[in-house]
PDB file of N, CA and C in Angstrom:
ATOM      1  N   UNK A   1       0.850  -1.180   0.000  1.00  0.00           N
ATOM      2  CA  UNK A   1       0.000   0.000   0.000  1.00  0.00           C
ATOM      3  C   UNK A   1       0.891   1.237   0.000  1.00  0.00           C
ATOM      4  N   UNK A   2       1.000   1.932  -1.124  1.00  0.00           N
ATOM      5  CA  UNK A   2       1.806   3.148  -1.153  1.00  0.00           C
ATOM      6  C   UNK A   2       1.124   4.280  -0.385  1.00  0.00           C
ATOM      7  N   UNK A   3       1.952   5.047   0.280  1.00  0.00           N
ATOM      8  CA  UNK A   3       1.487   6.239   0.986  1.00  0.00           C
ATOM      9  C   UNK A   3       2.327   7.418   0.517  1.00  0.00           C
ATOM     10  N   UNK A   4       1.675   8.477   0.088  1.00  0.00           N
ATOM     11  CA  UNK A   4       2.361   9.672  -0.401  1.00  0.00           C
ATOM     12  C   UNK A   4       1.912  10.850   0.441  1.00  0.00           C
ATOM     13  N   UNK A   5       2.889  11.625   0.920  1.00  0.00           N
ATOM     14  CA  UNK A   5       2.596  12.840   1.689  1.00  0.00           C
ATOM     15  C   UNK A   5       3.022  14.039   0.848  1.00  0.00           C
ATOM     16  N   UNK A   6       2.110  14.965   0.666  1.00  0.00           N
ATOM     17  CA  UNK A   6       2.399  16.203  -0.055  1.00  0.00           C
ATOM     18  C   UNK A   6       2.290  17.341   0.943  1.00  0.00           C
ATOM     19  N   UNK A   7       3.319  18.173   1.000  1.00  0.00           N
ATOM     20  CA  UNK A   7       3.275  19.352   1.870  1.00  0.00           C
ATOM     21  C   UNK A   7       3.319  20.588   0.988  1.00  0.00           C
ATOM     22  N   UNK A   8       2.369  21.467   1.229  1.00  0.00           N
ATOM     23  CA  UNK A   8       2.304  22.724   0.493  1.00  0.00           C
ATOM     24  C   UNK A   8       2.084  23.854   1.500  1.00  0.00           C
ATOM     25  N   UNK A   9       2.436  25.055   1.085  1.00  0.00           N
ATOM     26  CA  UNK A   9       2.154  26.186   1.949  1.00  0.00           C
ATOM     27  C   UNK A   9       0.661  26.479   1.907  1.00  0.00           C
ATOM     28  N   UNK A  10       0.160  26.984   3.013  1.00  0.00           N
ATOM     29  CA  UNK A  10      -1.265  27.303   3.139  1.00  0.00           C
ATOM     30  C   UNK A  10      -1.520  28.636   2.431  1.00  0.00           C
ATOM     31  N   UNK A  11      -1.825  28.539   1.134  1.00  0.00           N
ATOM     32  CA  UNK A  11      -2.042  29.744   0.337  1.00  0.00           C
ATOM     33  C   UNK A  11      -3.282  29.629  -0.530  1.00  0.00           C
ATOM     34  N   UNK A  12      -4.234  28.862  -0.070  1.00  0.00           N
ATOM     35  CA  UNK A  12      -5.515  28.847  -0.749  1.00  0.00           C
ATOM     36  C   UNK A  12      -5.680  27.819  -1.845  1.00  0.00           C
ATOM     37  N   UNK A  13      -4.970  26.695  -1.764  1.00  0.00           N
ATOM     38  CA  UNK A  13      -5.239  25.627  -2.728  1.00  0.00           C
ATOM     39  C   UNK A  13      -6.705  25.227  -2.572  1.00  0.00           C
ATOM     40  N   UNK A  14      -7.391  25.150  -3.674  1.00  0.00           N
ATOM     41  CA  UNK A  14      -8.820  24.842  -3.635  1.00  0.00           C
ATOM     42  C   UNK A  14      -9.040  23.342  -3.454  1.00  0.00           C
ATOM     43  N   UNK A  15     -10.230  22.958  -3.011  1.00  0.00           N
ATOM     44  CA  UNK A  15     -10.539  21.525  -2.945  1.00  0.00           C
ATOM     45  C   UNK A  15     -10.370  20.843  -4.306  1.00  0.00           C
ATOM     46  N   UNK A  16     -10.707  21.528  -5.376  1.00  0.00           N
ATOM     47  CA  UNK A  16     -10.546  20.944  -6.713  1.00  0.00           C
ATOM     48  C   UNK A  16      -9.068  20.715  -7.044  1.00  0.00           C
ATOM     49  N   UNK A  17      -8.213  21.657  -6.679  1.00  0.00           N
ATOM     50  CA  UNK A  17      -6.782  21.487  -6.925  1.00  0.00           C
ATOM     51  C   UNK A  17      -6.226  20.324  -6.102  1.00  0.00           C
ATOM     52  N   UNK A  18      -6.674  20.217  -4.863  1.00  0.00           N
ATOM     53  CA  UNK A  18      -6.214  19.109  -4.023  1.00  0.00           C
ATOM     54  C   UNK A  18      -6.691  17.778  -4.584  1.00  0.00           C
ATOM     55  N   UNK A  19      -7.931  17.729  -5.057  1.00  0.00           N
ATOM     56  CA  UNK A  19      -8.453  16.507  -5.655  1.00  0.00           C
ATOM     57  C   UNK A  19      -7.639  16.119  -6.891  1.00  0.00           C
ATOM     58  N   UNK A  20      -7.237  17.120  -7.669  1.00  0.00           N
ATOM     59  CA  UNK A  20      -6.424  16.854  -8.852  1.00  0.00           C
ATOM     60  C   UNK A  20      -5.053  16.306  -8.471  1.00  0.00           C
ATOM     61  N   UNK A  21      -4.450  16.854  -7.417  1.00  0.00           N
ATOM     62  CA  UNK A  21      -3.178  16.317  -6.929  1.00  0.00           C
ATOM     63  C   UNK A  21      -3.327  14.862  -6.503  1.00  0.00           C
ATOM     64  N   UNK A  22      -4.363  14.577  -5.737  1.00  0.00           N
ATOM     65  CA  UNK A  22      -4.591  13.213  -5.253  1.00  0.00           C
ATOM     66  C   UNK A  22      -4.793  12.258  -6.426  1.00  0.00           C
ATOM     67  N   UNK A  23      -5.630  12.634  -7.369  1.00  0.00           N
ATOM     68  CA  UNK A  23      -5.879  11.777  -8.533  1.00  0.00           C
ATOM     69  C   UNK A  23      -4.622  11.605  -9.374  1.00  0.00           C
ATOM     70  N   UNK A  24      -3.873  12.690  -9.565  1.00  0.00           N
ATOM     71  CA  UNK A  24      -2.670  12.628 -10.396  1.00  0.00           C
ATOM     72  C   UNK A  24      -1.586  11.750  -9.800  1.00  0.00           C
ATOM     73  N   UNK A  25      -1.345  11.891  -8.505  1.00  0.00           N
ATOM     74  CA  UNK A  25      -0.330  11.068  -7.835  1.00  0.00           C
ATOM     75  C   UNK A  25      -0.756   9.603  -7.843  1.00  0.00           C
ATOM     76  N   UNK A  26      -2.028   9.363  -7.578  1.00  0.00           N
ATOM     77  CA  UNK A  26      -2.535   7.990  -7.592  1.00  0.00           C
ATOM     78  C   UNK A  26      -2.353   7.367  -8.970  1.00  0.00           C
ATOM     79  N   UNK A  27      -2.680   8.105 -10.020  1.00  0.00           N
ATOM     80  CA  UNK A  27      -2.525   7.598 -11.378  1.00  0.00           C
ATOM     81  C   UNK A  27      -1.058   7.378 -11.726  1.00  0.00           C
ATOM     82  N   UNK A  28      -0.187   8.273 -11.295  1.00  0.00           N
ATOM     83  CA  UNK A  28       1.246   8.121 -11.545  1.00  0.00           C
ATOM     84  C   UNK A  28       1.770   6.816 -10.945  1.00  0.00           C
ATOM     85  N   UNK A  29       1.376   6.528  -9.718  1.00  0.00           N
ATOM     86  CA  UNK A  29       1.807   5.280  -9.083  1.00  0.00           C
ATOM     87  C   UNK A  29       1.231   4.060  -9.807  1.00  0.00           C
ATOM     88  N   UNK A  30       0.023   4.181 -10.307  1.00  0.00           N
ATOM     89  CA  UNK A  30      -0.570   3.083 -11.071  1.00  0.00           C
ATOM     90  C   UNK A  30       0.204   2.838 -12.358  1.00  0.00           C
ATOM     91  N   UNK A  31       0.488   3.915 -13.097  1.00  0.00           N
ATOM     92  CA  UNK A  31       1.163   3.779 -14.384  1.00  0.00           C
ATOM     93  C   UNK A  31       2.616   3.342 -14.266  1.00  0.00           C
ATOM     94  N   UNK A  32       3.349   3.961 -13.348  1.00  0.00           N
ATOM     95  CA  UNK A  32       4.790   3.716 -13.265  1.00  0.00           C
ATOM     96  C   UNK A  32       5.123   2.453 -12.472  1.00  0.00           C
ATOM     97  N   UNK A  33       4.425   2.242 -11.364  1.00  0.00           N
ATOM     98  CA  UNK A  33       4.765   1.124 -10.481  1.00  0.00           C
ATOM     99  C   UNK A  33       3.699   0.036 -10.431  1.00  0.00           C
ATOM    100  N   UNK A  34       2.648   0.185 -11.224  1.00  0.00           N
ATOM    101  CA  UNK A  34       1.543  -0.771 -11.248  1.00  0.00           C
ATOM    102  C   UNK A  34       0.919  -0.963  -9.864  1.00  0.00           C
ATOM    103  N   UNK A  35       0.785   0.138  -9.124  1.00  0.00           N
ATOM    104  CA  UNK A  35       0.166   0.086  -7.793  1.00  0.00           C
ATOM    105  C   UNK A  35      -1.345   0.199  -7.912  1.00  0.00           C
ATOM    106  N   UNK A  36      -2.019  -0.462  -7.012  1.00  0.00           N
ATOM    107  CA  UNK A  36      -3.479  -0.486  -7.001  1.00  0.00           C
ATOM    108  C   UNK A  36      -4.023   0.848  -6.465  1.00  0.00           C
ATOM    109  N   UNK A  37      -4.781   1.596  -7.264  1.00  0.00           N
ATOM    110  CA  UNK A  37      -5.337   2.855  -6.779  1.00  0.00           C
ATOM    111  C   UNK A  37      -6.212   2.694  -5.540  1.00  0.00           C
ATOM    112  N   UNK A  38      -6.851   1.551  -5.389  1.00  0.00           N
ATOM    113  CA  UNK A  38      -7.740   1.334  -4.246  1.00  0.00           C
ATOM    114  C   UNK A  38      -6.989   1.272  -2.927  1.00  0.00           C
ATOM    115  N   UNK A  39      -5.685   1.010  -2.992  1.00  0.00           N
ATOM    116  CA  UNK A  39      -4.902   0.930  -1.748  1.00  0.00           C
ATOM    117  C   UNK A  39      -3.834   2.014  -1.666  1.00  0.00           C
ATOM    118  N   UNK A  40      -3.915   2.998  -2.553  1.00  0.00           N
ATOM    119  CA  UNK A  40      -2.966   4.114  -2.530  1.00  0.00           C
ATOM    120  C   UNK A  40      -3.523   5.235  -1.662  1.00  0.00           C
ATOM    121  N   UNK A  41      -2.710   5.677  -0.719  1.00  0.00           N
ATOM    122  CA  UNK A  41      -3.122   6.732   0.216  1.00  0.00           C
ATOM    123  C   UNK A  41      -2.322   7.995  -0.096  1.00  0.00           C
ATOM    124  N   UNK A  42      -3.015   9.114  -0.255  1.00  0.00           N
ATOM    125  CA  UNK A  42      -2.364  10.407  -0.484  1.00  0.00           C
ATOM    126  C   UNK A  42      -2.885  11.367   0.570  1.00  0.00           C
ATOM    127  N   UNK A  43      -1.965  12.006   1.287  1.00  0.00           N
ATOM    128  CA  UNK A  43      -2.361  13.038   2.244  1.00  0.00           C
ATOM    129  C   UNK A  43      -1.719  14.358   1.841  1.00  0.00           C
ATOM    130  N   UNK A  44      -2.452  15.425   2.067  1.00  0.00           N
ATOM    131  CA  UNK A  44      -1.948  16.769   1.779  1.00  0.00           C
ATOM    132  C   UNK A  44      -1.923  17.540   3.085  1.00  0.00           C
ATOM    133  N   UNK A  45      -0.732  17.996   3.448  1.00  0.00           N
ATOM    134  CA  UNK A  45      -0.562  18.821   4.639  1.00  0.00           C
ATOM    135  C   UNK A  45      -0.312  20.249   4.195  1.00  0.00           C
ATOM    136  N   UNK A  46      -1.081  21.177   4.759  1.00  0.00           N
ATOM    137  CA  UNK A  46      -0.869  22.590   4.474  1.00  0.00           C
ATOM    138  C   UNK A  46      -0.141  23.222   5.652  1.00  0.00           C
ATOM    139  N   UNK A  47       0.936  23.920   5.343  1.00  0.00           N
ATOM    140  CA  UNK A  47       1.789  24.509   6.361  1.00  0.00           C
ATOM    141  C   UNK A  47       1.657  26.028   6.299  1.00  0.00           C
ATOM    142  N   UNK A  48       1.447  26.654   7.440  1.00  0.00           N
ATOM    143  CA  UNK A  48       1.398  28.111   7.487  1.00  0.00           C
ATOM    144  C   UNK A  48       2.726  28.684   7.006  1.00  0.00           C
ATOM    145  N   UNK A  49       2.673  29.811   6.295  1.00  0.00           N
ATOM    146  CA  UNK A  49       3.884  30.401   5.729  1.00  0.00           C
ATOM    147  C   UNK A  49       4.955  30.677   6.777  1.00  0.00           C
ATOM    148  N   UNK A  50       4.538  31.077   7.975  1.00  0.00           N
ATOM    149  CA  UNK A  50       5.540  31.384   9.000  1.00  0.00           C
ATOM    150  C   UNK A  50       6.235  30.128   9.532  1.00  0.00           C
ATOM    151  N   UNK A  51       5.736  28.949   9.147  1.00  0.00           N
ATOM    152  CA  UNK A  51       6.341  27.690   9.571  1.00  0.00           C
ATOM    153  C   UNK A  51       7.098  26.996   8.439  1.00  0.00           C
ATOM    154  N   UNK A  52       7.386  27.728   7.374  1.00  0.00           N
ATOM    155  CA  UNK A  52       8.049  27.147   6.202  1.00  0.00           C
ATOM    156  C   UNK A  52       9.272  27.989   5.888  1.00  0.00           C
ATOM    157  N   UNK A  53      10.408  27.339   5.693  1.00  0.00           N
ATOM    158  CA  UNK A  53      11.627  28.061   5.366  1.00  0.00           C
ATOM    159  C   UNK A  53      12.367  27.397   4.224  1.00  0.00           C
ATOM    160  N   UNK A  54      13.107  28.205   3.488  1.00  0.00           N
ATOM    161  CA  UNK A  54      13.928  27.724   2.372  1.00  0.00           C
ATOM    162  C   UNK A  54      15.267  28.449   2.437  1.00  0.00           C
ATOM    163  N   UNK A  55      16.344  27.713   2.337  1.00  0.00           N
ATOM    164  CA  UNK A  55      17.665  28.337   2.295  1.00  0.00           C
ATOM    165  C   UNK A  55      17.988  29.166   3.519  1.00  0.00           C
ATOM    166  N   UNK A  56      17.465  28.762   4.661  1.00  0.00           N
ATOM    167  CA  UNK A  56      17.742  29.477   5.899  1.00  0.00           C
ATOM    168  C   UNK A  56      16.886  30.706   6.129  1.00  0.00           C
ATOM    169  N   UNK A  57      15.879  30.901   5.277  1.00  0.00           N
ATOM    170  CA  UNK A  57      15.016  32.075   5.401  1.00  0.00           C
ATOM    171  C   UNK A  57      13.559  31.653   5.503  1.00  0.00           C
ATOM    172  N   UNK A  58      12.744  32.450   6.212  1.00  0.00           N
ATOM    173  CA  UNK A  58      11.302  32.224   6.123  1.00  0.00           C
ATOM    174  C   UNK A  58      10.885  32.354   4.652  1.00  0.00           C
ATOM    175  N   UNK A  59       9.903  31.597   4.231  1.00  0.00           N
ATOM    176  CA  UNK A  59       9.542  31.524   2.820  1.00  0.00           C
ATOM    177  C   UNK A  59       9.229  32.893   2.206  1.00  0.00           C
ATOM    178  N   UNK A  60       8.569  33.761   2.939  1.00  0.00           N
ATOM    179  CA  UNK A  60       8.264  35.080   2.372  1.00  0.00           C
ATOM    180  C   UNK A  60       9.538  35.884   2.119  1.00  0.00           C
ATOM    181  N   UNK A  61      10.514  35.800   3.024  1.00  0.00           N
ATOM    182  CA  UNK A  61      11.792  36.480   2.824  1.00  0.00           C
ATOM    183  C   UNK A  61      12.549  35.868   1.646  1.00  0.00           C
ATOM    184  N   UNK A  62      12.522  34.547   1.553  1.00  0.00           N
ATOM    185  CA  UNK A  62      13.174  33.853   0.446  1.00  0.00           C
ATOM    186  C   UNK A  62      12.575  34.290  -0.894  1.00  0.00           C
ATOM    187  N   UNK A  63      11.256  34.326  -0.958  1.00  0.00           N
ATOM    188  CA  UNK A  63      10.590  34.747  -2.202  1.00  0.00           C
ATOM    189  C   UNK A  63      10.943  36.185  -2.565  1.00  0.00           C
ATOM    190  N   UNK A  64      11.000  37.048  -1.561  1.00  0.00           N
ATOM    191  CA  UNK A  64      11.348  38.449  -1.817  1.00  0.00           C
ATOM    192  C   UNK A  64      12.772  38.547  -2.369  1.00  0.00           C
ATOM    193  N   UNK A  65      13.677  37.767  -1.793  1.00  0.00           N
ATOM    194  CA  UNK A  65      15.061  37.775  -2.263  1.00  0.00           C
ATOM    195  C   UNK A  65      15.146  37.255  -3.697  1.00  0.00           C
ATOM    196  N   UNK A  66      14.396  36.210  -4.015  1.00  0.00           N
ATOM    197  CA  UNK A  66      14.376  35.660  -5.360  1.00  0.00           C
ATOM    198  C   UNK A  66      13.795  36.652  -6.356  1.00  0.00           C
ATOM    199  N   UNK A  67      12.738  37.338  -5.944  1.00  0.00           N
ATOM    200  CA  UNK A  67      12.096  38.318  -6.824  1.00  0.00           C
ATOM    201  C   UNK A  67      13.038  39.486  -7.110  1.00  0.00           C
ATOM    202  N   UNK A  68      13.854  39.847  -6.128  1.00  0.00           N
ATOM    203  CA  UNK A  68      14.801  40.956  -6.309  1.00  0.00           C
ATOM    204  C   UNK A  68      15.895  40.587  -7.304  1.00  0.00           C
ATOM    205  N   UNK A  69      16.169  39.304  -7.479  1.00  0.00           N
ATOM    206  CA  UNK A  69      17.209  38.836  -8.407  1.00  0.00           C
ATOM    207  C   UNK A  69      16.723  38.800  -9.843  1.00  0.00           C
ATOM    208  N   UNK A  70      15.406  38.759 -10.047  1.00  0.00           N
ATOM    209  CA  UNK A  70      14.842  38.641 -11.394  1.00  0.00           C
ATOM    210  C   UNK A  70      14.749  40.024 -12.025  1.00  0.00           C
ATOM    211  N   UNK A  71      15.375  40.230 -13.190  1.00  0.00           N
ATOM    212  CA  UNK A  71      15.255  41.544 -13.827  1.00  0.00           C
ATOM    213  C   UNK A  71      13.816  41.828 -14.262  1.00  0.00           C
ATOM    214  N   UNK A  72      13.420  43.077 -14.141  1.00  0.00           N
ATOM    215  CA  UNK A  72      12.068  43.492 -14.552  1.00  0.00           C
ATOM    216  C   UNK A  72      11.917  43.315 -16.059  1.00  0.00           C
ATOM    217  N   UNK A  73      10.711  42.953 -16.490  1.00  0.00           N
ATOM    218  CA  UNK A  73      10.460  42.755 -17.932  1.00  0.00           C
ATOM    219  C   UNK A  73       9.891  43.979 -18.563  1.00  0.00           C
TER     220      UNK A  73
END
């Protein structure tokens, strides 16, 4: 029984988007590993932005730093 955990930041993913993630991951495991969709478990954990960090920075600070590196179009 495969179990997949997806962690995303809590930024308003809709129920439809979450359903699409669950269906897509389940189908991927079926196609690639021949796993039974009936026994595939997918959980989605949403993490508050203040509890998520990348590269030693809170995610909002990291995003701001990344945005500052991108030249304006």
